[in-house]
């Protein structure tokens, strides 16, 4: 049976998949919010999982080395665009459209604990709203400005200014019981993909029209991300969990 992985079609995840097709690894397209369920149901063998689901899945999964998706100083793919100053959003509606689960909780933490914003509600884009939250490639396409929303908050940058730490959005998990040989193949594909994708990126001369980005902008974005866990990333996870617990306790 071939190895199957959850394929997140966002720029920050592209490097992970760069070397998989030639190895016969099957990539199953899905959104970040779907990965945990797919792993739980045995629909895929591995994938990048939101921090919110890692503890729940720990009895049946394990991490693959230290592979993660983390912002170092900025996260242009996780942005809040608002008609009003962020500190004035208490009681206002924020539109979301299948957001990254960890990013959405980070937004809640930042609004309530850093900006003292309370009583916000999350609605669909079709409903009346004062701000819109974008993640993934949608966030990159709206990274500069969207007509009618002059205020822009980069969540990674806001978190970094507040804590002095990077922010980890997801970690790669693999289901328990995977054959050792398959695990080694997958792990090697992740390592090689990181290096080869970055080398290919340096040689790129064409724009990414799907993201409205020039090659230089893509490179700058990727250089602001980290894809392997270190001490700062572990500290960031622990701090975020503390703040998320405080948020839940406050109701």
C-alpha atoms as a PDB file:
ATOM      1  CA  UNK A   1       0.000   0.000   0.000  1.00  0.00           C
ATOM      2  CA  UNK A   2       1.345   3.471  -0.833  1.00  0.00           C
ATOM      3  CA  UNK A   3       1.968   6.061   1.855  1.00  0.00           C
ATOM      4  CA  UNK A   4      -0.820   8.652   1.954  1.00  0.00           C
ATOM      5  CA  UNK A   5      -0.447  12.183   3.338  1.00  0.00           C
ATOM      6  CA  UNK A   6      -2.761  15.140   3.827  1.00  0.00           C
ATOM      7  CA  UNK A   7      -1.919  17.748   1.187  1.00  0.00           C
ATOM      8  CA  UNK A   8      -2.522  21.332   2.345  1.00  0.00           C
ATOM      9  CA  UNK A   9      -2.515  23.573  -0.771  1.00  0.00           C
ATOM     10  CA  UNK A  10      -0.939  26.599   0.944  1.00  0.00           C
ATOM     11  CA  UNK A  11       2.412  28.194   0.152  1.00  0.00           C
ATOM     12  CA  UNK A  12       3.820  27.604   3.625  1.00  0.00           C
ATOM     13  CA  UNK A  13       3.373  23.844   3.141  1.00  0.00           C
ATOM     14  CA  UNK A  14       4.647  23.475  -0.439  1.00  0.00           C
ATOM     15  CA  UNK A  15       8.188  22.480   0.541  1.00  0.00           C
ATOM     16  CA  UNK A  16       6.944  19.437   2.433  1.00  0.00           C
ATOM     17  CA  UNK A  17       5.443  17.905  -0.708  1.00  0.00           C
ATOM     18  CA  UNK A  18       8.155  18.791  -3.214  1.00  0.00           C
ATOM     19  CA  UNK A  19       9.834  15.362  -3.218  1.00  0.00           C
ATOM     20  CA  UNK A  20       6.820  13.146  -2.573  1.00  0.00           C
ATOM     21  CA  UNK A  21       5.352  12.440  -5.985  1.00  0.00           C
ATOM     22  CA  UNK A  22       8.523  10.861  -7.360  1.00  0.00           C
ATOM     23  CA  UNK A  23       8.592   8.520  -4.348  1.00  0.00           C
ATOM     24  CA  UNK A  24       5.065   7.311  -5.001  1.00  0.00           C
ATOM     25  CA  UNK A  25       3.611   9.005  -1.929  1.00  0.00           C
ATOM     26  CA  UNK A  26      -0.081   9.753  -2.478  1.00  0.00           C
ATOM     27  CA  UNK A  27      -1.104  13.306  -1.573  1.00  0.00           C
ATOM     28  CA  UNK A  28      -4.761  13.750  -0.608  1.00  0.00           C
ATOM     29  CA  UNK A  29      -5.934  17.395  -0.972  1.00  0.00           C
ATOM     30  CA  UNK A  30      -7.675  18.842   2.086  1.00  0.00           C
ATOM     31  CA  UNK A  31      -8.003  21.977   4.169  1.00  0.00           C
ATOM     32  CA  UNK A  32      -6.093  22.388   7.471  1.00  0.00           C
ATOM     33  CA  UNK A  33      -9.301  21.860   9.459  1.00  0.00           C
ATOM     34  CA  UNK A  34      -9.787  18.413   7.874  1.00  0.00           C
ATOM     35  CA  UNK A  35      -6.393  16.837   8.593  1.00  0.00           C
ATOM     36  CA  UNK A  36      -6.988  15.685  12.181  1.00  0.00           C
ATOM     37  CA  UNK A  37     -10.209  13.912  11.244  1.00  0.00           C
ATOM     38  CA  UNK A  38      -8.574  12.256   8.256  1.00  0.00           C
ATOM     39  CA  UNK A  39      -5.771  10.920  10.462  1.00  0.00           C
ATOM     40  CA  UNK A  40      -8.230   9.784  13.107  1.00  0.00           C
ATOM     41  CA  UNK A  41     -10.309   7.895  10.546  1.00  0.00           C
ATOM     42  CA  UNK A  42      -7.275   6.315   8.895  1.00  0.00           C
ATOM     43  CA  UNK A  43      -7.863   8.142   5.608  1.00  0.00           C
ATOM     44  CA  UNK A  44      -4.235   9.334   5.543  1.00  0.00           C
ATOM     45  CA  UNK A  45      -1.033   8.145   7.193  1.00  0.00           C
ATOM     46  CA  UNK A  46       0.429  11.550   8.025  1.00  0.00           C
ATOM     47  CA  UNK A  47       0.021  15.299   7.674  1.00  0.00           C
ATOM     48  CA  UNK A  48       0.483  18.736   9.267  1.00  0.00           C
ATOM     49  CA  UNK A  49      -1.930  18.902  12.206  1.00  0.00           C
ATOM     50  CA  UNK A  50      -3.217  21.974  14.024  1.00  0.00           C
ATOM     51  CA  UNK A  51      -1.770  22.438  17.523  1.00  0.00           C
ATOM     52  CA  UNK A  52      -5.326  22.232  18.825  1.00  0.00           C
ATOM     53  CA  UNK A  53      -5.623  18.570  17.852  1.00  0.00           C
ATOM     54  CA  UNK A  54      -2.189  17.181  18.716  1.00  0.00           C
ATOM     55  CA  UNK A  55      -2.949  16.236  22.321  1.00  0.00           C
ATOM     56  CA  UNK A  56      -6.217  14.554  21.339  1.00  0.00           C
ATOM     57  CA  UNK A  57      -4.476  12.501  18.653  1.00  0.00           C
ATOM     58  CA  UNK A  58      -1.410  11.619  20.733  1.00  0.00           C
ATOM     59  CA  UNK A  59      -2.633   8.120  21.713  1.00  0.00           C
ATOM     60  CA  UNK A  60      -2.666   7.049  18.064  1.00  0.00           C
ATOM     61  CA  UNK A  61      -0.017   9.276  16.446  1.00  0.00           C
ATOM     62  CA  UNK A  62       3.493  10.618  16.950  1.00  0.00           C
ATOM     63  CA  UNK A  63       5.464  13.553  15.588  1.00  0.00           C
ATOM     64  CA  UNK A  64       7.779  13.167  12.598  1.00  0.00           C
ATOM     65  CA  UNK A  65      11.117  14.501  13.801  1.00  0.00           C
ATOM     66  CA  UNK A  66      10.539  18.206  14.454  1.00  0.00           C
ATOM     67  CA  UNK A  67       8.705  19.219  11.283  1.00  0.00           C
ATOM     68  CA  UNK A  68       6.326  22.118  11.837  1.00  0.00           C
ATOM     69  CA  UNK A  69       4.943  25.310  10.308  1.00  0.00           C
ATOM     70  CA  UNK A  70       5.968  28.338  12.356  1.00  0.00           C
ATOM     71  CA  UNK A  71       6.256  32.069  11.776  1.00  0.00           C
ATOM     72  CA  UNK A  72       9.455  33.717  12.995  1.00  0.00           C
ATOM     73  CA  UNK A  73       8.565  37.406  13.006  1.00  0.00           C
ATOM     74  CA  UNK A  74       5.606  37.755  10.621  1.00  0.00           C
ATOM     75  CA  UNK A  75       2.769  35.596   9.267  1.00  0.00           C
ATOM     76  CA  UNK A  76       1.359  37.336   6.179  1.00  0.00           C
ATOM     77  CA  UNK A  77      -0.832  34.299   5.535  1.00  0.00           C
ATOM     78  CA  UNK A  78      -2.736  34.854   8.782  1.00  0.00           C
ATOM     79  CA  UNK A  79      -4.186  38.367   8.783  1.00  0.00           C
ATOM     80  CA  UNK A  80      -7.082  40.348  10.151  1.00  0.00           C
ATOM     81  CA  UNK A  81      -8.375  43.086   7.853  1.00  0.00           C
ATOM     82  CA  UNK A  82     -10.637  45.620   9.529  1.00  0.00           C
ATOM     83  CA  UNK A  83     -12.683  48.722   8.768  1.00  0.00           C
ATOM     84  CA  UNK A  84     -11.958  50.004  12.294  1.00  0.00           C
ATOM     85  CA  UNK A  85      -8.873  50.054  14.548  1.00  0.00           C
ATOM     86  CA  UNK A  86      -8.369  46.632  16.117  1.00  0.00           C
ATOM     87  CA  UNK A  87      -8.823  47.976  19.652  1.00  0.00           C
ATOM     88  CA  UNK A  88     -12.310  49.175  18.663  1.00  0.00           C
ATOM     89  CA  UNK A  89     -13.652  45.753  17.614  1.00  0.00           C
ATOM     90  CA  UNK A  90     -15.415  44.889  20.883  1.00  0.00           C
ATOM     91  CA  UNK A  91     -18.928  43.651  20.136  1.00  0.00           C
ATOM     92  CA  UNK A  92     -18.279  43.611  16.382  1.00  0.00           C
ATOM     93  CA  UNK A  93     -18.587  40.761  13.883  1.00  0.00           C
ATOM     94  CA  UNK A  94     -15.579  39.199  12.151  1.00  0.00           C
ATOM     95  CA  UNK A  95     -16.082  37.241   8.951  1.00  0.00           C
ATOM     96  CA  UNK A  96     -14.253  33.931   8.547  1.00  0.00           C
ATOM     97  CA  UNK A  97     -14.201  31.344   5.775  1.00  0.00           C
ATOM     98  CA  UNK A  98     -12.887  27.895   6.820  1.00  0.00           C
ATOM     99  CA  UNK A  99      -9.868  29.411   8.593  1.00  0.00           C
ATOM    100  CA  UNK A 100      -6.787  27.612   9.862  1.00  0.00           C
ATOM    101  CA  UNK A 101      -7.964  26.310  13.286  1.00  0.00           C
ATOM    102  CA  UNK A 102      -4.838  27.350  15.187  1.00  0.00           C
ATOM    103  CA  UNK A 103      -4.835  30.763  13.525  1.00  0.00           C
ATOM    104  CA  UNK A 104      -8.429  31.368  14.591  1.00  0.00           C
ATOM    105  CA  UNK A 105      -7.624  30.598  18.235  1.00  0.00           C
ATOM    106  CA  UNK A 106      -4.536  32.802  18.034  1.00  0.00           C
ATOM    107  CA  UNK A 107      -6.794  35.612  16.832  1.00  0.00           C
ATOM    108  CA  UNK A 108      -9.089  35.096  19.835  1.00  0.00           C
ATOM    109  CA  UNK A 109      -6.127  35.151  22.229  1.00  0.00           C
ATOM    110  CA  UNK A 110      -4.648  38.307  20.726  1.00  0.00           C
ATOM    111  CA  UNK A 111      -7.950  40.175  20.616  1.00  0.00           C
ATOM    112  CA  UNK A 112      -8.956  39.429  24.205  1.00  0.00           C
ATOM    113  CA  UNK A 113      -5.634  39.282  26.032  1.00  0.00           C
ATOM    114  CA  UNK A 114      -3.501  41.794  24.123  1.00  0.00           C
ATOM    115  CA  UNK A 115      -6.027  44.247  22.685  1.00  0.00           C
ATOM    116  CA  UNK A 116      -8.745  43.965  25.391  1.00  0.00           C
ATOM    117  CA  UNK A 117     -11.373  43.278  22.741  1.00  0.00           C
ATOM    118  CA  UNK A 118     -14.431  41.373  24.010  1.00  0.00           C
ATOM    119  CA  UNK A 119     -17.776  40.245  22.658  1.00  0.00           C
ATOM    120  CA  UNK A 120     -16.718  39.638  19.073  1.00  0.00           C
ATOM    121  CA  UNK A 121     -18.680  37.154  16.984  1.00  0.00           C
ATOM    122  CA  UNK A 122     -17.593  35.127  13.984  1.00  0.00           C
ATOM    123  CA  UNK A 123     -19.880  35.123  10.960  1.00  0.00           C
ATOM    124  CA  UNK A 124     -19.795  34.160   7.286  1.00  0.00           C
ATOM    125  CA  UNK A 125     -18.565  36.538   4.596  1.00  0.00           C
ATOM    126  CA  UNK A 126     -22.170  37.044   3.450  1.00  0.00           C
ATOM    127  CA  UNK A 127     -23.216  38.475   6.829  1.00  0.00           C
ATOM    128  CA  UNK A 128     -22.613  42.038   7.999  1.00  0.00           C
ATOM    129  CA  UNK A 129     -19.145  42.339   9.514  1.00  0.00           C
ATOM    130  CA  UNK A 130     -16.581  44.903  10.593  1.00  0.00           C
ATOM    131  CA  UNK A 131     -13.499  42.804   9.881  1.00  0.00           C
ATOM    132  CA  UNK A 132     -12.458  39.714   7.947  1.00  0.00           C
ATOM    133  CA  UNK A 133      -9.953  37.045   8.972  1.00  0.00           C
ATOM    134  CA  UNK A 134      -7.923  35.414   6.184  1.00  0.00           C
ATOM    135  CA  UNK A 135      -5.539  32.453   6.391  1.00  0.00           C
ATOM    136  CA  UNK A 136      -3.439  30.390   4.008  1.00  0.00           C
ATOM    137  CA  UNK A 137      -3.245  31.490   0.395  1.00  0.00           C
ATOM    138  CA  UNK A 138      -6.281  33.726   0.890  1.00  0.00           C
ATOM    139  CA  UNK A 139      -4.304  35.613   3.499  1.00  0.00           C
ATOM    140  CA  UNK A 140      -1.356  36.029   1.134  1.00  0.00           C
ATOM    141  CA  UNK A 141      -3.569  37.351  -1.646  1.00  0.00           C
ATOM    142  CA  UNK A 142      -4.984  39.934   0.791  1.00  0.00           C
ATOM    143  CA  UNK A 143      -1.685  40.616   2.550  1.00  0.00           C
ATOM    144  CA  UNK A 144      -1.404  44.288   1.551  1.00  0.00           C
ATOM    145  CA  UNK A 145      -4.909  45.651   1.559  1.00  0.00           C
ATOM    146  CA  UNK A 146      -8.465  44.908   0.573  1.00  0.00           C
ATOM    147  CA  UNK A 147     -10.714  47.737  -0.541  1.00  0.00           C
ATOM    148  CA  UNK A 148     -12.772  48.987   2.379  1.00  0.00           C
ATOM    149  CA  UNK A 149     -10.527  47.429   5.048  1.00  0.00           C
ATOM    150  CA  UNK A 150      -7.698  49.899   5.729  1.00  0.00           C
ATOM    151  CA  UNK A 151      -6.507  48.292   8.977  1.00  0.00           C
ATOM    152  CA  UNK A 152      -4.312  45.196   8.688  1.00  0.00           C
ATOM    153  CA  UNK A 153      -3.092  43.015  11.571  1.00  0.00           C
ATOM    154  CA  UNK A 154      -0.461  40.327  10.889  1.00  0.00           C
ATOM    155  CA  UNK A 155      -1.080  37.767  13.651  1.00  0.00           C
ATOM    156  CA  UNK A 156       2.468  36.396  13.631  1.00  0.00           C
ATOM    157  CA  UNK A 157       3.911  39.886  13.933  1.00  0.00           C
ATOM    158  CA  UNK A 158       1.446  40.814  16.679  1.00  0.00           C
ATOM    159  CA  UNK A 159       2.254  37.659  18.653  1.00  0.00           C
ATOM    160  CA  UNK A 160       6.000  38.206  18.224  1.00  0.00           C
ATOM    161  CA  UNK A 161       5.821  41.805  19.457  1.00  0.00           C
ATOM    162  CA  UNK A 162       3.815  40.632  22.465  1.00  0.00           C
ATOM    163  CA  UNK A 163       5.848  37.577  23.473  1.00  0.00           C
ATOM    164  CA  UNK A 164       9.222  37.797  21.726  1.00  0.00           C
ATOM    165  CA  UNK A 165       8.637  34.276  20.391  1.00  0.00           C
ATOM    166  CA  UNK A 166       7.794  32.637  17.056  1.00  0.00           C
ATOM    167  CA  UNK A 167       4.366  31.074  16.613  1.00  0.00           C
ATOM    168  CA  UNK A 168       3.779  27.433  15.713  1.00  0.00           C
ATOM    169  CA  UNK A 169       0.651  26.764  13.657  1.00  0.00           C
ATOM    170  CA  UNK A 170       0.988  23.022  13.071  1.00  0.00           C
ATOM    171  CA  UNK A 171       3.225  19.974  13.475  1.00  0.00           C
ATOM    172  CA  UNK A 172       3.604  16.904  11.288  1.00  0.00           C
ATOM    173  CA  UNK A 173       2.066  13.769  12.798  1.00  0.00           C
ATOM    174  CA  UNK A 174       2.179  10.180  11.594  1.00  0.00           C
ATOM    175  CA  UNK A 175      -0.197   7.427  12.633  1.00  0.00           C
ATOM    176  CA  UNK A 176       1.136   4.737  14.934  1.00  0.00           C
ATOM    177  CA  UNK A 177       1.640   1.398  13.274  1.00  0.00           C
ATOM    178  CA  UNK A 178       3.224   2.706  10.100  1.00  0.00           C
ATOM    179  CA  UNK A 179       5.886   0.340   8.821  1.00  0.00           C
ATOM    180  CA  UNK A 180       9.387   1.467   9.783  1.00  0.00           C
ATOM    181  CA  UNK A 181      10.489   1.488   6.139  1.00  0.00           C
ATOM    182  CA  UNK A 182       7.556   3.735   5.171  1.00  0.00           C
ATOM    183  CA  UNK A 183       8.314   6.078   8.066  1.00  0.00           C
ATOM    184  CA  UNK A 184      11.928   6.450   6.919  1.00  0.00           C
ATOM    185  CA  UNK A 185      10.811   7.144   3.332  1.00  0.00           C
ATOM    186  CA  UNK A 186       8.348   9.804   4.468  1.00  0.00           C
ATOM    187  CA  UNK A 187      10.822  11.437   6.829  1.00  0.00           C
ATOM    188  CA  UNK A 188      13.475  11.557   4.111  1.00  0.00           C
ATOM    189  CA  UNK A 189      10.975  13.038   1.648  1.00  0.00           C
ATOM    190  CA  UNK A 190      10.249  15.836   4.117  1.00  0.00           C
ATOM    191  CA  UNK A 191      13.946  16.575   4.639  1.00  0.00           C
ATOM    192  CA  UNK A 192      14.835  16.460   0.929  1.00  0.00           C
ATOM    193  CA  UNK A 193      11.746  18.431  -0.060  1.00  0.00           C
ATOM    194  CA  UNK A 194      12.735  21.312   2.198  1.00  0.00           C
ATOM    195  CA  UNK A 195      16.175  21.616   0.626  1.00  0.00           C
ATOM    196  CA  UNK A 196      15.218  21.037  -3.016  1.00  0.00           C
ATOM    197  CA  UNK A 197      12.161  23.285  -2.911  1.00  0.00           C
ATOM    198  CA  UNK A 198      14.189  26.150  -1.474  1.00  0.00           C
ATOM    199  CA  UNK A 199      16.927  25.658  -4.087  1.00  0.00           C
ATOM    200  CA  UNK A 200      14.278  25.705  -6.793  1.00  0.00           C
ATOM    201  CA  UNK A 201      12.763  28.841  -5.284  1.00  0.00           C
ATOM    202  CA  UNK A 202      16.076  30.719  -5.525  1.00  0.00           C
ATOM    203  CA  UNK A 203      16.160  29.935  -9.250  1.00  0.00           C
ATOM    204  CA  UNK A 204      12.583  31.000  -9.911  1.00  0.00           C
ATOM    205  CA  UNK A 205      12.128  34.080 -12.089  1.00  0.00           C
ATOM    206  CA  UNK A 206       8.388  34.081 -12.745  1.00  0.00           C
ATOM    207  CA  UNK A 207       5.650  35.599 -10.565  1.00  0.00           C
ATOM    208  CA  UNK A 208       3.161  33.518  -8.599  1.00  0.00           C
ATOM    209  CA  UNK A 209       0.008  34.869 -10.196  1.00  0.00           C
ATOM    210  CA  UNK A 210      -2.180  32.639  -8.021  1.00  0.00           C
ATOM    211  CA  UNK A 211      -0.861  34.484  -4.971  1.00  0.00           C
ATOM    212  CA  UNK A 212      -0.283  37.907  -6.562  1.00  0.00           C
ATOM    213  CA  UNK A 213       3.361  37.613  -5.496  1.00  0.00           C
ATOM    214  CA  UNK A 214       6.692  38.248  -7.203  1.00  0.00           C
ATOM    215  CA  UNK A 215       9.506  35.707  -6.706  1.00  0.00           C
ATOM    216  CA  UNK A 216      11.231  38.088  -4.286  1.00  0.00           C
ATOM    217  CA  UNK A 217       8.056  38.311  -2.191  1.00  0.00           C
ATOM    218  CA  UNK A 218       7.687  34.531  -2.092  1.00  0.00           C
ATOM    219  CA  UNK A 219      11.292  34.193  -0.958  1.00  0.00           C
ATOM    220  CA  UNK A 220      10.886  36.849   1.728  1.00  0.00           C
ATOM    221  CA  UNK A 221       7.746  35.122   2.984  1.00  0.00           C
ATOM    222  CA  UNK A 222       9.405  31.710   3.215  1.00  0.00           C
ATOM    223  CA  UNK A 223      12.488  33.164   4.914  1.00  0.00           C
ATOM    224  CA  UNK A 224      10.154  34.470   7.609  1.00  0.00           C
ATOM    225  CA  UNK A 225       8.896  30.952   8.328  1.00  0.00           C
ATOM    226  CA  UNK A 226      10.468  28.030  10.167  1.00  0.00           C
ATOM    227  CA  UNK A 227       9.753  24.406   9.363  1.00  0.00           C
ATOM    228  CA  UNK A 228      11.604  22.578  12.124  1.00  0.00           C
ATOM    229  CA  UNK A 229      11.102  22.727  15.875  1.00  0.00           C
ATOM    230  CA  UNK A 230      13.685  24.306  18.166  1.00  0.00           C
ATOM    231  CA  UNK A 231      13.716  25.592  21.738  1.00  0.00           C
ATOM    232  CA  UNK A 232      11.936  28.902  20.887  1.00  0.00           C
ATOM    233  CA  UNK A 233       9.168  27.006  19.076  1.00  0.00           C
ATOM    234  CA  UNK A 234       8.636  24.679  22.036  1.00  0.00           C
ATOM    235  CA  UNK A 235       8.461  27.658  24.402  1.00  0.00           C
ATOM    236  CA  UNK A 236       5.974  29.320  22.048  1.00  0.00           C
ATOM    237  CA  UNK A 237       3.724  26.243  22.084  1.00  0.00           C
ATOM    238  CA  UNK A 238       3.763  26.099  25.885  1.00  0.00           C
ATOM    239  CA  UNK A 239       2.960  29.813  26.205  1.00  0.00           C
ATOM    240  CA  UNK A 240       0.155  29.622  23.655  1.00  0.00           C
ATOM    241  CA  UNK A 241      -1.382  26.669  25.490  1.00  0.00           C
ATOM    242  CA  UNK A 242      -1.306  28.682  28.722  1.00  0.00           C
ATOM    243  CA  UNK A 243      -3.005  31.645  27.094  1.00  0.00           C
ATOM    244  CA  UNK A 244      -5.536  29.418  25.370  1.00  0.00           C
ATOM    245  CA  UNK A 245      -6.393  27.784  28.705  1.00  0.00           C
ATOM    246  CA  UNK A 246      -6.905  31.225  30.245  1.00  0.00           C
ATOM    247  CA  UNK A 247      -9.172  32.110  27.343  1.00  0.00           C
ATOM    248  CA  UNK A 248     -11.259  28.963  27.835  1.00  0.00           C
ATOM    249  CA  UNK A 249     -11.448  29.517  31.602  1.00  0.00           C
ATOM    250  CA  UNK A 250     -12.786  33.016  31.005  1.00  0.00           C
ATOM    251  CA  UNK A 251     -15.530  31.565  28.799  1.00  0.00           C
END
